[in-house]
Amino acid sequence: MIWRLAAAAARLLPPEAAHRAAVAVLHRGIGPAPLLPEMPVSLAGMKFSNPLGLAAGFDKDAACPAGAMQLGFGHVEVGTITPYAQPGNARPRVFRLPEDRAVINRYGFNSAGMAAAARNLQTMQDLPGVLGINVGANKTSQTPTEDYRCAVACLAPYADYITLNISSPNTPGLRDLQTDANLQALIKAGRAGLTDADCQRPLFIKLAPDLEEADIEAICARAVADRIDGLIATNTTILRPDSLRSAHRKEQGGLSGAPLFAMSTDVLAMMHRYLGDKGPALIGAGGVSSGAQAYAKILAGASLVQLYTALALQGPDAPARVIRELDALMRADGCRSVASATGKMTAPGAAIDHALRLAQSA
């Protein structure tokens, strides 16, 4: 199969070159097209064929959402897209940590800009899944909230939902937008962008894992008060666990992959405790590479789950494998739907242990 050869060849390339090659291959529709079990999820008026999505960061300029959806993802979140083109940080800026099943990146919102993304999206009709568009501020912007308004206004007509990314560690000052006053202004800017576009779309916010509990409580309260539709928990971390062994473990940037899994699940579960059954849905991201890990996120409160690093490290078969494993685990656990499993276990450690034990006994 040509896509297997392409995937094997990509793993021999430096990480950023491999990333560009993967986007190019999926842009041409080269890849597996598996038959997968239906695991429908309804959220904010949208219908997802399954709960697994591709996180933002892979398809930065909306070049290949259809090809990515072909791999089995129920939704694809493109971006992060900034209003104006920018090159991002100096290379090298992405590093594999193979011994840790992780990646460190400091891309810095490299983007061709919203106009280029809009041109790409104009050519796409009848995508087979849900399309999210993730937007951010330019590095040199003097008024970041205005950047979000502009990007939302330009791109919302092409999106099924919009995500405001305020949690990348690679744009100076961006995470300051997570404070309550700034978050309130940001949400107003996002809604103003929707008004400018003369369309309504569900609004999500992507958050960092490196938050204090008081910050998480305040964010949840603001999300409820301002009727945010979804919170994505979480982006990459700036922390470096002592357990890291790979040669590139001390590189600056955001750490993703296996070391992020427990931390991001803790934040997810904490958000679920503060939100209860009201307010925004939760989308679990961070370290997912198996059906058991996806199931743990769902048990801890996620309605949807996203991955990215697993695709980069394991190749294009990863999404279908995760979905099949998740379906088998839910059936073994007597859960007939994702909704019936969401938030079933409030303690993140218990959710993780339960999902892993179930997988081991399968």
Protein backbone atom coordinates (compact mmCIF):
# COMPACT_ATOMS: atom_id res chain seq x y z
CA MET A 1 0.00 0.00 0.00
CA ILE A 2 1.40 3.38 -1.02
CA TRP A 3 0.32 5.07 2.22
CA ARG A 4 2.21 2.50 4.33
CA LEU A 5 5.36 3.19 2.35
CA ALA A 6 4.83 6.94 2.71
CA ALA A 7 4.32 6.62 6.48
CA ALA A 8 7.45 4.50 6.88
CA ALA A 9 9.50 6.95 4.83
CA ALA A 10 8.20 9.93 6.83
CA ARG A 11 9.47 8.44 10.07
CA LEU A 12 13.01 8.55 8.64
CA LEU A 13 12.76 12.31 8.09
CA PRO A 14 13.45 15.04 10.64
CA PRO A 15 10.25 15.73 12.59
CA GLU A 16 9.19 18.95 10.88
CA ALA A 17 9.89 17.58 7.41
CA ALA A 18 7.89 14.47 8.33
CA HIS A 19 5.03 16.70 9.48
CA ARG A 20 4.99 18.58 6.17
CA ALA A 21 5.12 15.30 4.24
CA ALA A 22 2.18 13.88 6.21
CA VAL A 23 0.06 16.95 5.48
CA ALA A 24 0.95 16.73 1.78
CA VAL A 25 0.06 13.03 1.63
CA LEU A 26 -3.32 13.55 3.31
CA HIS A 27 -3.99 16.57 1.08
CA ARG A 28 -3.81 14.12 -1.84
CA GLY A 29 -6.17 11.69 -0.12
CA ILE A 30 -3.50 9.01 0.33
CA GLY A 31 -4.14 6.95 3.42
CA PRO A 32 -6.25 4.19 4.91
CA ALA A 33 -10.04 4.51 4.82
CA PRO A 34 -11.15 2.08 7.53
CA LEU A 35 -14.66 0.85 8.22
CA LEU A 36 -15.32 1.73 11.84
CA PRO A 37 -18.08 1.21 14.38
CA GLU A 38 -20.57 4.02 14.74
CA MET A 39 -20.18 5.77 18.09
CA PRO A 40 -22.36 8.86 17.66
CA VAL A 41 -21.99 11.90 19.88
CA SER A 42 -24.23 14.98 19.89
CA LEU A 43 -22.71 18.19 21.24
CA ALA A 44 -23.69 21.86 20.88
CA GLY A 45 -26.05 21.04 18.03
CA MET A 46 -23.39 19.08 16.12
CA LYS A 47 -23.41 15.37 15.34
CA PHE A 48 -20.13 13.42 15.45
CA SER A 49 -19.81 9.91 14.02
CA ASN A 50 -17.41 9.03 16.84
CA PRO A 51 -15.79 10.89 19.75
CA LEU A 52 -12.21 10.93 18.43
CA GLY A 53 -10.82 14.05 16.79
CA LEU A 54 -7.54 15.34 15.43
CA ALA A 55 -6.26 18.14 17.64
CA ALA A 56 -5.14 21.49 16.29
CA GLY A 57 -1.49 21.80 15.40
CA PHE A 58 -1.33 19.16 12.69
CA ASP A 59 -3.19 20.86 9.84
CA LYS A 60 -2.12 24.42 10.49
CA ASP A 61 -3.49 26.00 7.31
CA ALA A 62 -6.57 23.85 6.63
CA ALA A 63 -4.79 21.96 3.86
CA CYS A 64 -6.03 18.41 4.48
CA PRO A 65 -9.12 18.07 6.71
CA ALA A 66 -10.83 15.66 4.31
CA GLY A 67 -7.78 13.40 4.16
CA ALA A 68 -7.49 13.42 7.95
CA MET A 69 -11.17 12.59 8.36
CA GLN A 70 -10.66 9.65 5.99
CA LEU A 71 -8.39 8.09 8.64
CA GLY A 72 -11.40 7.71 10.92
CA PHE A 73 -11.54 10.92 12.91
CA GLY A 74 -15.05 12.08 13.73
CA HIS A 75 -13.82 15.65 13.77
CA VAL A 76 -10.73 17.56 12.73
CA GLU A 77 -9.63 20.84 14.26
CA VAL A 78 -7.45 22.83 11.88
CA GLY A 79 -5.08 25.62 12.90
CA THR A 80 -3.94 27.41 14.90
CA ILE A 81 -4.64 30.12 12.29
CA THR A 82 -3.56 33.72 12.89
CA PRO A 83 -4.91 36.81 11.11
CA TYR A 84 -1.65 37.52 9.31
CA ALA A 85 0.98 35.15 7.99
CA GLN A 86 3.94 34.58 10.29
CA PRO A 87 6.92 32.22 10.09
CA GLY A 88 6.88 31.01 13.67
CA ASN A 89 9.99 30.40 15.72
CA ALA A 90 13.44 29.59 14.39
CA ARG A 91 14.23 26.00 13.37
CA PRO A 92 14.76 23.40 14.67
CA ARG A 93 11.52 23.77 16.62
CA VAL A 94 10.09 20.27 16.97
CA PHE A 95 11.80 17.28 18.60
CA ARG A 96 10.88 13.63 18.98
CA LEU A 97 11.39 12.04 22.40
CA PRO A 98 11.09 8.36 21.38
CA GLU A 99 12.01 6.83 24.74
CA ASP A 100 9.26 8.90 26.35
CA ARG A 101 6.66 8.51 23.56
CA ALA A 102 6.53 12.29 23.43
CA VAL A 103 7.24 15.38 21.35
CA ILE A 104 8.42 18.88 22.24
CA ASN A 105 7.48 21.67 19.86
CA ARG A 106 7.99 25.40 19.81
CA TYR A 107 6.46 26.11 16.41
CA GLY A 108 5.10 29.46 17.54
CA PHE A 109 1.88 29.61 15.51
CA ASN A 110 3.57 29.35 12.11
CA SER A 111 0.68 30.18 9.84
CA ALA A 112 -0.02 31.29 6.29
CA GLY A 113 -2.72 33.52 7.77
CA MET A 114 -6.49 33.57 7.73
CA ALA A 115 -6.87 34.62 4.07
CA ALA A 116 -4.85 31.62 2.87
CA ALA A 117 -6.81 29.27 5.11
CA ALA A 118 -10.07 30.72 3.85
CA ARG A 119 -8.99 30.09 0.26
CA ASN A 120 -8.27 26.46 1.12
CA LEU A 121 -11.61 26.04 2.88
CA GLN A 122 -13.56 27.57 -0.01
CA THR A 123 -12.60 24.57 -2.15
CA MET A 124 -13.95 22.00 0.31
CA GLN A 125 -17.48 20.73 0.06
CA ASP A 126 -19.35 18.09 2.07
CA LEU A 127 -16.59 17.08 4.45
CA PRO A 128 -17.30 13.66 5.99
CA GLY A 129 -16.85 14.89 9.57
CA VAL A 130 -17.12 17.91 11.82
CA LEU A 131 -14.67 20.74 11.13
CA GLY A 132 -13.31 22.89 13.93
CA ILE A 133 -11.21 25.98 13.25
CA ASN A 134 -8.70 26.98 15.92
CA VAL A 135 -7.60 30.63 15.90
CA GLY A 136 -4.91 32.60 17.70
CA ALA A 137 -3.12 35.92 17.90
CA ASN A 138 -0.09 37.04 15.93
CA LYS A 139 3.12 37.18 17.95
CA THR A 140 3.64 40.91 17.36
CA SER A 141 0.03 41.93 17.90
CA GLN A 142 -0.53 44.92 20.18
CA THR A 143 -4.19 43.96 20.72
CA PRO A 144 -4.47 40.15 20.81
CA THR A 145 -8.22 40.15 21.42
CA GLU A 146 -8.70 42.06 18.16
CA ASP A 147 -6.75 39.30 16.38
CA TYR A 148 -9.26 36.75 17.62
CA ARG A 149 -12.18 38.87 16.46
CA CYS A 150 -10.66 39.26 12.98
CA ALA A 151 -9.82 35.57 12.60
CA VAL A 152 -13.25 34.45 13.78
CA ALA A 153 -14.98 36.92 11.46
CA CYS A 154 -13.00 35.62 8.48
CA LEU A 155 -13.17 31.89 9.16
CA ALA A 156 -16.42 31.20 11.00
CA PRO A 157 -18.48 30.71 7.81
CA TYR A 158 -16.38 27.63 6.97
CA ALA A 159 -16.42 26.10 10.47
CA ASP A 160 -18.76 23.82 12.35
CA TYR A 161 -17.22 25.22 15.54
CA ILE A 162 -14.54 27.75 16.50
CA THR A 163 -11.82 27.31 19.12
CA LEU A 164 -10.02 30.22 20.74
CA ASN A 165 -6.51 29.01 21.52
CA ILE A 166 -5.18 30.88 24.55
CA SER A 167 -2.89 28.16 25.87
CA SER A 168 0.06 27.68 23.52
CA PRO A 169 3.30 28.13 25.48
CA ASN A 170 5.12 29.31 22.35
CA THR A 171 3.58 32.77 21.87
CA PRO A 172 4.74 35.22 24.56
CA GLY A 173 1.92 36.45 26.78
CA LEU A 174 -0.75 34.25 25.23
CA ARG A 175 -1.48 32.29 28.40
CA ASP A 176 -2.16 35.57 30.23
CA LEU A 177 -5.49 35.55 28.38
CA GLN A 178 -6.61 32.78 30.76
CA THR A 179 -7.05 35.27 33.63
CA ASP A 180 -10.69 36.14 34.26
CA ALA A 181 -10.71 39.75 33.04
CA ASN A 182 -8.78 38.88 29.89
CA LEU A 183 -10.87 35.78 29.28
CA GLN A 184 -14.05 37.82 29.50
CA ALA A 185 -12.70 40.27 26.93
CA LEU A 186 -11.57 37.43 24.69
CA ILE A 187 -14.98 35.77 24.71
CA LYS A 188 -16.58 39.11 23.79
CA ALA A 189 -14.12 39.42 20.91
CA GLY A 190 -14.95 35.91 19.69
CA ARG A 191 -18.66 36.63 19.76
CA ALA A 192 -18.10 39.95 18.00
CA GLY A 193 -16.30 38.04 15.26
CA LEU A 194 -19.30 35.75 14.87
CA THR A 195 -21.57 38.79 14.64
CA ASP A 196 -19.28 40.31 12.00
CA ALA A 197 -19.47 37.05 10.03
CA ASP A 198 -23.26 37.08 10.39
CA CYS A 199 -23.29 33.48 11.54
CA GLN A 200 -23.50 31.60 14.80
CA ARG A 201 -21.11 28.79 15.65
CA PRO A 202 -20.36 26.90 18.86
CA LEU A 203 -17.43 28.53 20.65
CA PHE A 204 -14.73 26.45 22.35
CA ILE A 205 -11.69 27.53 24.37
CA LYS A 206 -8.44 25.55 24.58
CA LEU A 207 -6.69 25.71 27.95
CA ALA A 208 -3.29 24.90 29.40
CA PRO A 209 -2.54 22.03 31.78
CA ASP A 210 -0.27 24.21 33.95
CA LEU A 211 -3.08 25.92 35.86
CA GLU A 212 -3.71 26.27 39.58
CA GLU A 213 -7.00 24.94 40.89
CA ALA A 214 -8.24 28.45 41.66
CA ASP A 215 -7.63 29.40 38.02
CA ILE A 216 -9.53 26.35 36.82
CA GLU A 217 -12.47 27.17 39.08
CA ALA A 218 -12.55 30.76 37.80
CA ILE A 219 -12.34 29.65 34.16
CA CYS A 220 -15.21 27.21 34.63
CA ALA A 221 -17.34 29.91 36.26
CA ARG A 222 -16.62 32.32 33.41
CA ALA A 223 -17.37 29.65 30.80
CA VAL A 224 -20.76 28.99 32.40
CA ALA A 225 -21.58 32.68 32.80
CA ASP A 226 -20.66 33.49 29.21
CA ARG A 227 -22.27 30.35 27.72
CA ILE A 228 -19.15 28.84 26.19
CA ASP A 229 -19.99 25.61 24.36
CA GLY A 230 -16.82 23.62 24.99
CA LEU A 231 -13.54 23.62 26.92
CA ILE A 232 -10.58 21.67 25.53
CA ALA A 233 -8.37 20.26 28.28
CA THR A 234 -5.54 20.52 27.51
CA ASN A 235 -2.78 22.00 25.37
CA THR A 236 0.90 21.05 25.81
CA THR A 237 2.81 21.56 29.07
CA ILE A 238 5.90 23.62 29.86
CA LEU A 239 6.74 21.27 32.75
CA ARG A 240 9.42 18.60 32.40
CA PRO A 241 8.77 15.49 34.50
CA ASP A 242 11.86 13.93 36.08
CA SER A 243 10.97 10.68 34.33
CA LEU A 244 11.95 12.01 30.87
CA ARG A 245 14.91 10.12 29.38
CA SER A 246 15.23 11.25 25.76
CA ALA A 247 18.13 13.35 24.54
CA HIS A 248 15.90 16.32 23.68
CA ARG A 249 14.08 16.38 27.03
CA LYS A 250 15.45 19.84 27.97
CA GLU A 251 14.41 21.61 24.77
CA GLN A 252 12.13 24.59 25.25
CA GLY A 253 8.53 24.41 24.07
CA GLY A 254 5.38 22.47 24.77
CA LEU A 255 5.64 18.82 25.78
CA SER A 256 2.97 16.47 24.39
CA GLY A 257 2.42 12.74 24.31
CA ALA A 258 2.55 10.12 27.07
CA PRO A 259 4.00 12.33 29.85
CA LEU A 260 1.06 14.73 29.48
CA PHE A 261 -1.68 12.11 29.85
CA ALA A 262 -2.14 11.99 33.63
CA MET A 263 -1.68 15.75 34.08
CA SER A 264 -4.21 16.68 31.41
CA THR A 265 -6.68 14.10 32.72
CA ASP A 266 -6.39 15.61 36.21
CA VAL A 267 -7.28 19.04 34.80
CA LEU A 268 -10.16 17.56 32.82
CA ALA A 269 -11.60 15.81 35.87
CA MET A 270 -11.24 18.97 37.98
CA MET A 271 -13.15 20.95 35.36
CA HIS A 272 -15.86 18.33 35.33
CA ARG A 273 -16.22 18.55 39.11
CA TYR A 274 -16.64 22.33 38.94
CA LEU A 275 -19.01 22.23 35.98
CA GLY A 276 -21.11 19.22 36.90
CA ASP A 277 -23.81 18.68 34.32
CA LYS A 278 -24.16 22.37 33.47
CA GLY A 279 -22.26 24.61 31.16
CA PRO A 280 -19.80 23.68 28.43
CA ALA A 281 -18.94 20.21 27.24
CA LEU A 282 -15.39 19.00 27.87
CA ILE A 283 -13.01 17.76 25.19
CA GLY A 284 -10.14 15.65 26.51
CA ALA A 285 -6.74 16.08 24.85
CA GLY A 286 -3.23 15.23 25.95
CA GLY A 287 -1.37 11.94 25.72
CA VAL A 288 -4.08 9.82 24.10
CA SER A 289 -2.61 6.95 22.10
CA SER A 290 -4.91 4.03 22.95
CA GLY A 291 -8.55 3.20 23.37
CA ALA A 292 -8.00 2.78 27.12
CA GLN A 293 -6.62 6.30 27.41
CA ALA A 294 -9.51 7.69 25.37
CA TYR A 295 -11.95 5.81 27.61
CA ALA A 296 -10.27 7.18 30.75
CA LYS A 297 -10.79 10.73 29.44
CA ILE A 298 -14.45 9.99 28.79
CA LEU A 299 -14.97 8.44 32.22
CA ALA A 300 -13.32 11.53 33.75
CA GLY A 301 -15.76 13.87 32.01
CA ALA A 302 -14.94 14.23 28.31
CA SER A 303 -17.65 14.11 25.66
CA LEU A 304 -15.03 14.12 22.90
CA VAL A 305 -11.34 13.18 22.81
CA GLN A 306 -8.53 14.50 20.62
CA LEU A 307 -5.07 13.25 19.71
CA TYR A 308 -2.16 14.48 17.61
CA THR A 309 1.18 13.18 18.93
CA ALA A 310 0.04 9.56 18.55
CA LEU A 311 -0.60 10.19 14.86
CA ALA A 312 2.88 11.69 14.49
CA LEU A 313 4.64 8.85 16.31
CA GLN A 314 2.51 5.84 15.32
CA GLY A 315 1.30 6.71 11.85
CA PRO A 316 -2.05 6.83 10.05
CA ASP A 317 -3.41 3.58 11.50
CA ALA A 318 -3.55 5.12 14.99
CA PRO A 319 -7.02 6.75 14.81
CA ALA A 320 -8.82 3.61 13.63
CA ARG A 321 -7.06 1.48 16.23
CA VAL A 322 -8.01 3.86 19.04
CA ILE A 323 -11.65 3.95 17.93
CA ARG A 324 -11.90 0.15 17.68
CA GLU A 325 -10.26 -0.31 21.08
CA LEU A 326 -12.55 2.30 22.63
CA ASP A 327 -15.65 0.66 21.18
CA ALA A 328 -14.59 -2.76 22.52
CA LEU A 329 -13.88 -1.37 26.00
CA MET A 330 -17.20 0.41 26.22
CA ARG A 331 -19.03 -2.72 25.16
CA ALA A 332 -17.14 -4.78 27.73
CA ASP A 333 -18.04 -2.20 30.37
CA GLY A 334 -21.73 -2.26 29.47
CA CYS A 335 -21.81 1.32 28.13
CA ARG A 336 -24.13 1.70 25.18
CA SER A 337 -23.10 5.23 24.28
CA VAL A 338 -20.37 7.76 24.87
CA ALA A 339 -22.86 9.98 26.66
CA SER A 340 -23.67 7.24 29.17
CA ALA A 341 -19.97 6.86 30.03
CA THR A 342 -19.09 10.57 30.21
CA GLY A 343 -18.21 11.61 33.75
CA LYS A 344 -19.02 8.22 35.19
CA MET A 345 -15.95 8.34 37.46
CA THR A 346 -15.04 11.64 39.11
CA ALA A 347 -11.55 10.68 40.30
CA PRO A 348 -9.06 10.79 37.40
CA GLY A 349 -6.79 8.13 38.89
CA ALA A 350 -9.71 5.76 39.27
CA ALA A 351 -10.84 6.43 35.69
CA ILE A 352 -7.36 5.71 34.35
CA ASP A 353 -6.92 2.57 36.46
CA HIS A 354 -10.35 1.24 35.48
CA ALA A 355 -9.80 1.79 31.75
CA LEU A 356 -6.32 0.21 31.82
CA ARG A 357 -7.48 -2.82 33.83
CA LEU A 358 -10.36 -3.31 31.44
CA ALA A 359 -7.97 -3.19 28.48
CA GLN A 360 -5.62 -5.70 30.10
CA SER A 361 -8.45 -8.15 30.68
CA ALA A 362 -9.84 -7.81 27.17
